[in-house]
Protein backbone atom coordinates (compact mmCIF):
# COMPACT_ATOMS: atom_id res chain seq x y z
CA MET A 1 -42.61 -12.22 73.46
CA ALA A 2 -39.48 -14.27 72.74
CA LEU A 3 -39.56 -15.87 76.18
CA ALA A 4 -43.29 -16.62 75.96
CA THR A 5 -42.78 -18.16 72.52
CA GLU A 6 -39.89 -20.32 73.77
CA LEU A 7 -42.03 -21.49 76.69
CA ARG A 8 -44.93 -22.39 74.37
CA GLU A 9 -42.50 -24.41 72.28
CA SER A 10 -41.52 -26.23 75.51
CA TYR A 11 -45.08 -27.42 76.22
CA VAL A 12 -45.99 -24.52 78.56
CA ASP A 13 -49.43 -22.95 78.06
CA VAL A 14 -48.56 -19.27 78.45
CA ILE A 15 -51.12 -16.49 79.10
CA LEU A 16 -49.64 -13.22 77.87
CA ASP A 17 -51.43 -9.87 77.56
CA LYS A 18 -50.26 -9.40 73.97
CA TRP A 19 -51.97 -12.67 73.08
CA ASP A 20 -54.85 -12.95 75.54
CA LEU A 21 -55.88 -9.39 76.54
CA LYS A 22 -58.25 -8.23 73.78
CA GLU A 23 -59.91 -4.96 73.01
CA GLY A 24 -62.82 -4.35 75.38
CA HIS A 25 -61.37 -6.60 78.15
CA ASP A 26 -60.95 -5.26 81.69
CA THR A 27 -57.20 -4.91 82.25
CA VAL A 28 -57.45 -4.93 86.07
CA ALA A 29 -59.68 -8.01 85.98
CA PHE A 30 -57.13 -9.65 83.67
CA MET A 31 -54.32 -8.94 86.15
CA GLU A 32 -56.44 -10.10 89.11
CA LYS A 33 -57.15 -13.34 87.28
CA MET A 34 -53.43 -14.08 87.13
CA VAL A 35 -53.30 -13.88 90.94
CA THR A 36 -56.61 -15.44 92.02
CA ASP A 37 -57.52 -17.99 89.34
CA LEU A 38 -56.78 -21.47 90.72
CA GLU A 39 -56.24 -22.85 87.23
CA ILE A 40 -53.24 -20.56 86.77
CA LYS A 41 -50.49 -22.40 88.61
CA LYS A 42 -47.46 -20.18 87.98
CA VAL A 43 -46.83 -16.47 87.37
CA ALA A 44 -43.49 -15.25 86.01
CA ILE A 45 -42.55 -11.62 86.78
CA VAL A 46 -40.16 -10.52 84.03
CA CYS A 47 -37.92 -7.82 85.51
CA ASP A 48 -35.68 -5.17 84.04
CA GLU A 49 -34.72 -1.70 85.27
CA LYS A 50 -37.89 -0.05 83.91
CA TYR A 51 -40.18 -2.67 85.44
CA ALA A 52 -38.48 -2.45 88.86
CA THR A 53 -38.76 1.37 88.85
CA LYS A 54 -42.47 1.33 87.97
CA ALA A 55 -43.20 -1.41 90.51
CA ASP A 56 -41.52 0.51 93.35
CA GLY A 57 -43.27 3.75 92.31
CA ARG A 58 -46.63 2.02 91.79
CA GLU A 59 -46.79 3.51 88.29
CA GLY A 60 -49.33 2.48 85.64
CA GLY A 61 -50.25 -1.11 84.98
CA VAL A 62 -47.04 -2.34 86.59
CA GLY A 63 -48.01 -0.48 89.76
CA THR A 64 -51.42 -2.18 89.75
CA GLU A 65 -49.79 -5.57 89.20
CA THR A 66 -47.43 -4.91 92.09
CA GLN A 67 -50.29 -4.09 94.48
CA LEU A 68 -51.98 -7.36 93.57
CA ILE A 69 -48.88 -9.56 93.60
CA SER A 70 -47.01 -8.08 96.56
CA LYS A 71 -49.89 -8.85 98.92
CA GLU A 72 -49.68 -12.53 97.96
CA VAL A 73 -45.89 -12.57 98.20
CA TYR A 74 -45.68 -10.73 101.54
CA GLU A 75 -48.38 -12.83 103.22
CA LYS A 76 -47.04 -16.21 102.08
CA GLN A 77 -43.35 -16.65 102.86
CA ASP A 78 -43.18 -20.05 101.18
CA GLN A 79 -45.31 -19.21 98.12
CA GLU A 80 -44.27 -21.00 94.93
CA LYS A 81 -46.74 -19.48 92.45
CA PHE A 82 -44.68 -16.33 91.65
CA VAL A 83 -41.09 -16.13 90.56
CA ALA A 84 -39.07 -13.18 89.29
CA ILE A 85 -37.15 -13.64 86.06
CA VAL A 86 -34.19 -11.27 85.85
CA CYS A 87 -33.43 -10.18 82.31
CA LYS A 88 -31.06 -7.31 83.16
CA LYS A 89 -28.55 -6.30 85.89
CA ASP A 90 -26.82 -3.02 86.75
CA ASN A 91 -23.12 -2.32 86.22
CA ASP A 92 -22.26 -3.98 89.54
CA GLY A 93 -24.08 -7.17 88.57
CA THR A 94 -27.03 -6.50 90.90
CA PRO A 95 -30.32 -7.71 89.40
CA PHE A 96 -33.12 -5.21 88.86
CA LEU A 97 -35.92 -6.43 91.12
CA PRO A 98 -38.96 -4.79 92.75
CA THR A 99 -38.36 -4.02 96.41
CA PHE A 100 -41.03 -6.46 97.55
CA TYR A 101 -39.15 -9.31 95.86
CA THR A 102 -35.50 -8.57 96.68
CA SER A 103 -35.12 -11.21 99.42
CA ARG A 104 -36.53 -14.07 97.36
CA MET A 105 -35.04 -16.61 94.98
CA PHE A 106 -35.16 -15.60 91.31
CA ILE A 107 -34.24 -17.08 87.93
CA ASP A 108 -31.49 -15.30 86.04
CA LEU A 109 -31.90 -15.15 82.25
CA SER A 110 -29.70 -12.08 81.82
CA GLU A 111 -26.51 -13.88 80.75
CA ASP A 112 -26.14 -15.68 77.42
CA ASP A 113 -23.57 -18.12 78.85
CA SER A 114 -25.97 -19.44 81.49
CA TYR A 115 -29.24 -18.94 79.64
CA SER A 116 -29.72 -22.56 78.64
CA ASP A 117 -29.18 -23.96 82.16
CA ASN A 118 -31.35 -21.30 83.77
CA PHE A 119 -34.12 -21.72 81.21
CA GLU A 120 -34.13 -25.38 82.22
CA GLN A 121 -34.44 -24.19 85.84
CA LEU A 122 -37.50 -22.14 84.79
CA LEU A 123 -39.10 -25.17 83.14
CA ARG A 124 -38.41 -27.31 86.19
CA TRP A 125 -40.12 -24.68 88.37
CA ILE A 126 -43.14 -24.56 86.04
CA PHE A 127 -43.56 -28.34 85.94
CA ASP A 128 -42.61 -28.88 89.61
CA LYS A 129 -39.69 -31.07 88.61
CA PRO A 130 -36.76 -29.74 90.66
CA LEU A 131 -33.23 -30.81 89.80
CA TYR A 132 -32.57 -31.79 93.42
CA VAL A 133 -35.25 -33.98 94.95
CA LYS A 134 -35.36 -34.38 98.69
CA PRO A 135 -35.01 -38.10 99.47
CA GLU A 136 -37.60 -39.98 101.49
CA LEU A 137 -37.04 -40.07 105.23
CA GLY A 138 -35.04 -43.20 106.05
CA GLU A 139 -35.13 -45.38 109.11
CA LYS A 140 -33.95 -44.05 112.43
CA PRO A 141 -30.26 -45.00 112.94
CA SER A 142 -30.03 -48.01 115.19
CA PHE A 143 -27.55 -46.34 117.54
CA LEU A 144 -30.19 -43.73 118.47
CA SER A 145 -32.42 -46.41 119.96
CA GLU A 146 -30.93 -46.38 123.42
CA GLY A 147 -30.44 -49.76 124.96
CA GLU A 148 -31.30 -51.66 121.75
CA HIS A 149 -28.14 -51.48 119.67
CA VAL A 150 -24.50 -50.62 120.04
CA SER A 151 -22.83 -48.09 117.75
CA LEU A 152 -19.21 -47.51 116.83
CA GLY A 153 -19.97 -43.89 115.96
CA THR A 154 -18.14 -44.21 112.65
CA THR A 155 -20.91 -43.41 110.15
CA THR A 156 -20.02 -39.78 109.43
CA ILE A 157 -16.26 -40.45 109.46
CA PHE A 158 -16.80 -43.42 107.15
CA LYS A 159 -18.55 -41.33 104.49
CA ARG A 160 -15.81 -38.69 104.60
CA CYS A 161 -13.13 -41.38 104.37
CA ILE A 162 -14.76 -43.10 101.38
CA ASP A 163 -15.08 -39.79 99.51
CA ALA A 164 -11.46 -38.87 100.26
CA LEU A 165 -10.10 -42.23 99.06
CA LYS A 166 -12.23 -42.30 95.90
CA ASN A 167 -11.29 -38.78 94.90
CA HIS A 168 -7.65 -38.93 96.04
CA LYS A 169 -8.05 -35.92 98.28
CA ALA A 170 -5.09 -34.54 100.19
CA TYR A 171 -6.53 -35.57 103.55
CA ALA A 172 -7.32 -39.19 102.49
CA ALA A 173 -4.58 -40.74 104.66
CA GLY A 174 -5.65 -38.72 107.69
CA SER A 175 -9.30 -39.57 107.10
CA LEU A 176 -8.51 -43.28 106.87
CA ASP A 177 -6.48 -43.07 110.06
CA GLU A 178 -9.36 -41.31 111.83
CA TYR A 179 -11.81 -43.99 110.74
CA CYS A 180 -9.57 -46.90 111.72
CA THR A 181 -8.72 -45.36 115.09
CA THR A 182 -12.36 -44.60 115.91
CA PHE A 183 -13.43 -48.08 114.82
CA ALA A 184 -10.77 -49.81 116.93
CA THR A 185 -11.28 -47.61 119.99
CA ASN A 186 -15.07 -47.88 120.02
CA LEU A 187 -15.06 -51.61 119.43
CA GLU A 188 -14.84 -51.74 123.23
CA ARG A 189 -18.56 -50.93 123.23
CA PHE A 190 -19.27 -54.45 121.95
CA ARG A 191 -17.66 -56.13 124.94
CA ILE A 192 -19.99 -58.65 126.57
CA THR A 193 -20.23 -58.11 130.31
CA ASN A 194 -22.73 -59.61 132.75
CA PRO A 195 -24.78 -61.29 130.01
CA ASP A 196 -28.49 -61.66 130.69
CA GLY A 197 -29.42 -65.21 129.67
CA GLU A 198 -27.44 -67.91 127.92
CA PHE A 199 -24.04 -66.61 126.88
CA ASP A 200 -24.21 -68.07 123.39
CA ASP A 201 -27.56 -66.27 122.76
CA VAL A 202 -25.96 -62.97 123.82
CA LEU A 203 -22.96 -63.78 121.63
CA ILE A 204 -25.12 -64.32 118.53
CA LYS A 205 -26.97 -61.04 119.15
CA SER A 206 -23.68 -59.18 119.55
CA ILE A 207 -22.43 -60.58 116.25
CA GLU A 208 -25.70 -59.59 114.57
CA ASP A 209 -25.54 -56.06 116.00
CA PHE A 210 -22.06 -55.70 114.53
CA LEU A 211 -23.28 -56.28 110.95
CA PRO A 212 -23.69 -52.59 109.94
CA PHE A 213 -20.10 -51.86 110.93
CA ARG A 214 -18.75 -54.98 109.30
CA ASN A 215 -20.51 -53.84 106.12
CA GLU A 216 -18.88 -50.42 106.46
CA ALA A 217 -15.49 -52.09 106.69
CA ILE A 218 -16.19 -54.25 103.62
CA GLN A 219 -17.06 -51.12 101.64
CA LEU A 220 -13.85 -49.53 102.85
CA PHE A 221 -11.79 -52.57 101.77
CA THR A 222 -13.48 -52.44 98.36
CA VAL A 223 -12.77 -48.74 97.86
CA ILE A 224 -9.14 -49.29 98.86
CA ALA A 225 -8.83 -52.15 96.37
CA GLN A 226 -10.47 -50.21 93.55
CA TYR A 227 -9.22 -46.66 94.07
CA SER A 228 -6.35 -46.45 96.53
CA PRO A 229 -4.26 -49.63 96.90
CA SER A 230 -1.10 -47.68 97.72
CA GLU A 231 1.55 -49.00 100.06
CA GLU A 232 0.72 -46.29 102.60
CA VAL A 233 -2.96 -47.26 102.66
CA VAL A 234 -2.27 -50.99 102.96
CA GLN A 235 0.19 -50.30 105.78
CA ARG A 236 -2.60 -48.46 107.60
CA LEU A 237 -4.92 -51.39 106.98
CA HIS A 238 -2.29 -53.68 108.51
CA ARG A 239 -2.08 -51.43 111.58
CA PHE A 240 -5.88 -51.42 111.75
CA PHE A 241 -5.97 -55.20 112.11
CA GLU A 242 -3.10 -55.06 114.56
CA SER A 243 -5.19 -52.75 116.77
CA LEU A 244 -8.03 -55.30 116.85
CA ILE A 245 -5.98 -58.22 118.19
CA PRO A 246 -6.13 -57.25 121.90
CA TYR A 247 -9.92 -57.58 121.85
CA MET A 248 -9.62 -61.30 121.19
CA ASN A 249 -8.12 -61.97 124.62
CA ARG A 250 -8.39 -60.82 128.23
CA PRO A 251 -7.88 -57.06 128.69
CA PRO A 252 -5.30 -56.04 131.33
CA ASN A 253 -7.91 -54.72 133.78
CA VAL A 254 -9.88 -58.01 133.94
CA SER A 255 -8.85 -60.50 136.60
CA GLN A 256 -11.69 -63.02 136.30
CA TRP A 257 -12.78 -64.40 132.98
CA LYS A 258 -13.74 -67.43 130.97
CA GLU A 259 -12.23 -68.45 127.66
CA GLN A 260 -15.50 -67.81 125.85
CA ASP A 261 -15.93 -64.23 127.17
CA PHE A 262 -14.22 -62.72 124.11
CA ASP A 263 -15.74 -64.99 121.47
CA ASN A 264 -17.77 -62.23 119.83
CA TYR A 265 -14.50 -60.40 119.15
CA LYS A 266 -12.87 -63.60 117.90
CA PHE A 267 -15.67 -63.97 115.37
CA VAL A 268 -15.87 -60.41 114.04
CA VAL A 269 -12.10 -59.83 113.84
CA HIS A 270 -11.60 -63.12 111.98
CA GLU A 271 -14.49 -62.24 109.66
CA LEU A 272 -13.08 -58.77 108.94
CA PHE A 273 -9.64 -60.16 108.12
CA LEU A 274 -11.15 -62.79 105.84
CA TYR A 275 -13.13 -60.14 103.96
CA ALA A 276 -10.11 -57.88 103.59
CA LEU A 277 -8.21 -60.74 101.95
CA ALA A 278 -11.21 -61.73 99.85
CA VAL A 279 -11.72 -58.21 98.51
CA LEU A 280 -8.05 -57.69 97.66
CA LEU A 281 -7.85 -61.06 95.91
CA LYS A 282 -11.09 -60.46 94.00
CA HIS A 283 -9.69 -57.21 92.63
CA ASN A 284 -6.34 -58.84 91.81
CA ARG A 285 -4.44 -56.83 94.43
CA LEU A 286 -2.12 -59.74 95.09
CA ASP A 287 0.83 -57.78 96.48
CA GLN A 288 -1.48 -55.97 98.89
CA ALA A 289 -3.03 -59.24 100.05
CA ASN A 290 0.46 -60.66 100.50
CA TYR A 291 1.35 -57.68 102.68
CA LEU A 292 -1.34 -58.68 105.17
CA LEU A 293 -0.13 -62.29 105.11
CA GLN A 294 3.60 -61.60 105.17
CA LYS A 295 3.96 -58.82 107.73
CA HIS A 296 3.78 -59.78 111.38
CA TYR A 297 1.58 -57.98 113.91
CA TYR A 298 2.75 -56.37 117.12
CA VAL A 299 1.05 -57.59 120.30
CA PRO A 300 2.88 -55.94 123.22
CA GLU A 301 0.89 -57.87 125.84
CA ASN A 302 2.62 -61.07 124.71
CA SER A 303 5.88 -59.83 126.23
CA ASP A 304 4.25 -59.89 129.67
CA TYR A 305 3.88 -63.65 129.39
CA GLY A 306 7.26 -64.39 127.83
CA ARG A 307 5.83 -64.80 124.34
CA ASP A 308 6.97 -63.22 121.09
CA ALA A 309 5.44 -59.78 120.65
CA MET A 310 5.38 -60.21 116.86
CA VAL A 311 2.79 -62.72 115.61
CA SER A 312 1.67 -63.96 112.20
CA PHE A 313 -1.73 -63.44 110.58
CA THR A 314 -2.89 -66.77 112.04
CA VAL A 315 -3.63 -64.88 115.24
CA PHE A 316 -6.86 -63.74 113.60
CA ARG A 317 -8.38 -67.20 113.70
CA GLU A 318 -9.00 -68.54 117.20
CA HIS A 319 -11.33 -71.29 118.32
CA MET A 320 -14.73 -70.21 119.72
CA LYS A 321 -15.72 -72.48 122.57
CA SER A 322 -19.11 -70.82 122.98
CA LEU A 323 -20.27 -72.08 119.59
CA ASP A 324 -19.45 -75.64 120.64
CA VAL A 325 -21.56 -75.05 123.74
CA ARG A 326 -24.40 -73.71 121.61
CA ASN A 327 -24.24 -76.69 119.28
CA ASP A 328 -24.54 -79.06 122.23
CA ARG A 329 -27.07 -77.02 124.21
CA LEU A 330 -29.50 -76.69 121.31
CA ASN A 331 -28.68 -80.12 119.90
CA LEU A 332 -28.06 -78.55 116.49
CA GLY A 333 -25.79 -81.27 115.16
CA ARG A 334 -23.83 -78.79 113.03
CA LEU A 335 -20.29 -79.55 111.91
CA SER A 336 -19.42 -75.85 112.25
CA ILE A 337 -21.79 -73.12 113.35
CA ARG A 338 -19.05 -70.63 112.56
CA SER A 339 -18.92 -71.63 108.89
CA ASP A 340 -22.73 -71.48 108.70
CA LEU A 341 -22.72 -67.96 110.16
CA LEU A 342 -20.03 -66.80 107.75
CA LYS A 343 -22.02 -68.04 104.78
CA ASP A 344 -25.37 -66.67 105.98
CA ARG A 345 -23.85 -63.26 106.68
CA CYS A 346 -22.26 -63.09 103.23
CA VAL A 347 -25.58 -62.26 101.58
CA GLY A 348 -25.78 -58.64 100.41
CA THR A 349 -22.09 -57.84 100.88
CA GLY A 350 -21.26 -57.79 97.17
CA ILE A 351 -18.63 -60.45 97.87
CA GLU A 352 -19.81 -63.90 96.83
CA PHE A 353 -19.10 -66.67 99.33
CA HIS A 354 -16.65 -68.45 97.01
CA TYR A 355 -14.37 -65.37 97.26
CA LEU A 356 -14.42 -65.79 101.03
CA GLN A 357 -13.53 -69.47 100.58
CA GLN A 358 -10.72 -68.55 98.20
CA ALA A 359 -9.29 -66.16 100.79
CA ASP A 360 -9.63 -68.83 103.47
CA PHE A 361 -7.78 -71.33 101.31
CA VAL A 362 -4.98 -68.88 100.50
CA ALA A 363 -4.53 -68.16 104.23
CA PHE A 364 -4.50 -71.91 104.96
CA MET A 365 -1.92 -72.66 102.28
CA ARG A 366 0.30 -69.73 103.32
CA ALA A 367 0.33 -70.99 106.90
CA GLU A 368 1.04 -74.55 105.72
CA VAL A 369 3.97 -73.48 103.53
CA GLU A 370 5.48 -71.50 106.38
CA ALA A 371 4.93 -74.30 108.91
CA LYS A 372 8.63 -75.09 108.82
CA LYS A 373 9.37 -71.70 110.35
CA THR A 374 6.46 -71.58 112.76
CA PHE A 375 3.99 -73.82 114.51
CA ASP A 376 1.11 -71.52 113.56
CA ASN A 377 -1.74 -72.88 111.49
CA TRP A 378 -4.93 -71.60 109.95
CA TRP A 379 -8.18 -73.55 110.20
CA PRO A 380 -10.10 -72.78 106.95
CA GLU A 381 -13.60 -72.75 108.39
CA THR A 382 -15.45 -71.96 105.15
CA LEU A 383 -13.94 -74.88 103.21
CA LEU A 384 -16.30 -77.21 105.03
CA LEU A 385 -18.98 -75.84 102.71
CA LEU A 386 -17.14 -76.54 99.45
CA GLY A 387 -19.59 -79.31 98.64
CA ARG A 388 -18.78 -80.76 95.24
CA PHE A 389 -16.43 -77.91 94.38
CA ASN A 390 -13.27 -79.74 93.38
CA ARG A 391 -11.73 -77.38 90.88
CA PRO A 392 -9.04 -74.74 91.37
CA PHE A 393 -9.97 -71.37 92.82
CA GLU A 394 -9.81 -68.50 90.31
CA ILE A 395 -6.37 -67.25 91.32
CA PHE A 396 -4.81 -70.67 90.83
CA ALA A 397 -6.82 -71.43 87.70
CA ARG A 398 -5.33 -68.27 86.20
CA SER A 399 -1.90 -69.37 87.44
CA ILE A 400 -1.79 -71.94 84.68
CA SER A 401 -0.14 -68.98 82.92
CA LYS A 402 3.52 -68.60 83.80
CA SER A 403 3.22 -64.82 83.77
CA TYR A 404 0.27 -64.86 86.15
CA PHE A 405 1.97 -67.41 88.39
CA GLU A 406 4.84 -64.97 88.72
CA GLN A 407 2.32 -62.57 90.30
CA SER A 408 0.38 -65.06 92.42
CA LYS A 409 3.32 -67.02 93.87
CA VAL A 410 3.87 -64.33 96.51
CA LEU A 411 0.64 -65.46 98.17
CA LEU A 412 2.13 -68.88 98.91
CA ALA A 413 5.67 -67.62 99.56
CA ILE A 414 7.12 -69.95 96.92
CA GLU A 415 9.25 -69.52 93.81
CA THR A 416 8.16 -72.55 91.76
CA PRO A 417 5.29 -75.04 92.02
CA THR A 418 7.76 -77.77 93.00
CA ASP A 419 8.34 -75.91 96.29
CA LEU A 420 5.03 -77.44 97.39
CA GLU A 421 6.14 -81.05 96.92
CA SER A 422 7.52 -81.50 100.43
CA LEU A 423 4.25 -80.23 101.89
CA PHE A 424 2.21 -82.70 99.87
CA GLU A 425 4.58 -85.48 100.92
CA SER A 426 3.94 -84.61 104.58
CA TYR A 427 0.20 -85.03 103.94
CA ASP A 428 0.83 -88.40 102.31
CA ASP A 429 2.99 -89.76 105.13
CA GLY A 430 0.65 -88.43 107.81
CA SER A 431 3.16 -86.10 109.44
CA ARG A 432 0.82 -83.23 108.68
CA LYS A 433 -2.96 -83.37 108.61
CA ILE A 434 -5.43 -81.73 106.25
CA PRO A 435 -8.39 -80.21 108.17
CA LYS A 436 -11.36 -82.53 108.47
CA TRP A 437 -14.93 -82.26 109.76
CA GLN A 438 -16.06 -85.82 110.44
CA PHE A 439 -16.12 -87.16 106.87
CA GLU A 440 -15.81 -83.77 105.17
CA SER A 441 -12.45 -82.49 103.92
CA PHE A 442 -10.82 -81.03 100.81
CA SER A 443 -7.86 -81.57 98.50
CA PRO A 444 -5.22 -78.80 98.43
CA VAL A 445 -3.84 -80.32 95.23
CA LEU A 446 -7.18 -79.95 93.43
CA LEU A 447 -7.98 -76.49 94.79
CA LEU A 448 -4.54 -75.31 93.67
CA GLY A 449 -4.76 -76.98 90.28
CA TYR A 450 -1.23 -77.99 91.19
CA GLU A 451 -0.45 -80.11 88.14
CA HIS A 452 -1.24 -77.21 85.80
CA LEU A 453 0.49 -74.35 87.64
CA ALA A 454 2.79 -72.35 85.34
CA THR A 455 2.43 -74.81 82.46
CA GLN A 456 1.28 -72.28 79.85
CA PRO A 457 2.89 -69.09 78.55
């Protein structure tokens, strides 16, 4: 009676013998109606020790009910009309249930501590509103369409890695290492060999096919920046990029090649590095971004050609001859197809394009400042698309504050703003050139907000 009353108060129209079975009514017909009437959607079997005993012994009205109900339950393995409600258990915690129902799911209302949650479960069953709803069937993963797309096979590892980093699980470092290793190893699958058709068409398709995995990596960079920007994690990120460098040039087992053969790798590796910087800078992880700019990268193959095995971050930006060919072949007249691609592919990443430009500018300035020590340079592809943007990027706008400048100066490897004067003088006297695309260029002084750096408390 208490349960029926509580259900009525919860908008459930309950049929109960004490309320609805009147003098002169046929009791068997009443019970049959509960089973056969299509308007009655749900039947709750309230079970205690006495009920279970009578049901198994087919005693009295309970026995009659059991004969009617058990036939429905036995014949329909997936029936959802009947459910047992346990209101008592034995001393061992075993629920009292009729034998015909023992293998089925039940609702436990026997414990006061869990009554509220389980009563909600009962209501969800009655109204067909389960707590856990099976999601709609998604699209077939692209890597299962044989011959259509290439897969890195990182999807499952990626999800485990993201969860581990977010929740600071003990195996987070190992999970990140597994993801990075799998990513770098399977990147070989994207190698262009024996292209069918114009090489630049195949190149563009390869870059497009890589998008899902680039997006995975961007999510990983974001989670690292937000949840786990530890030195150990950033060191692994550094090693991850180090492992991608060999793809940008001829592999040891290839004896015949053209310069453009590895251009798809040159694009995606450069794009990944740019996004890693952009994400770290967006989330104000300046020391972590500096780590990627400051630490050199080991390229053992360089030793075979008498070159230094340790290289700077500028290795991640190499010219792509195939895009020049495409520009000419299709008569596109673009100043930089690469910059156009970077902007178009930025949509939906959660990283606005100006953050990519900010990262590009930081990389350019870092390379320029360190030009005295090295001949390396960084061509800031995305700055072509600055348009009328002639104000400082966010990091340097904030660096008007002396305290913030003390944080941001590591990005440029300087101690005071005046350390940049000699660089600006070299631009003025022509000994060093600012990148230019026909008539398009930019002003480092304006983008730095140089005159206002560290001028406020």
